[in-house]
Amino acid sequence: MKTKERIVPKEIIEEFSDLIAEHEIANSIQGSTEDGEIIVEIQYEKEERQGVYVLMELIDDYNEEDE
């Protein structure tokens, strides 16, 4: 099983959570940043990578728009 830790901006946490549920990705909240962003650890198997890519793309797209 692979593990990734990501910081999820509070503005997209609802959409991020929906995608986690939709793709049935194991996860746990590790904490939060001073800015109120959520630190999420996701655990996945090789065959679940596509769902993880969707999550990473959501965060990347948000960060690009925010710049």
Foldseek 3Di string as FASTA:
>chain_A
DDKDKDWAAPVCVVVLVVLCVVLVWDKDWPQHDPNGTTIMMTDDDPVSVVSVVVSVVVRVVVVVVVD
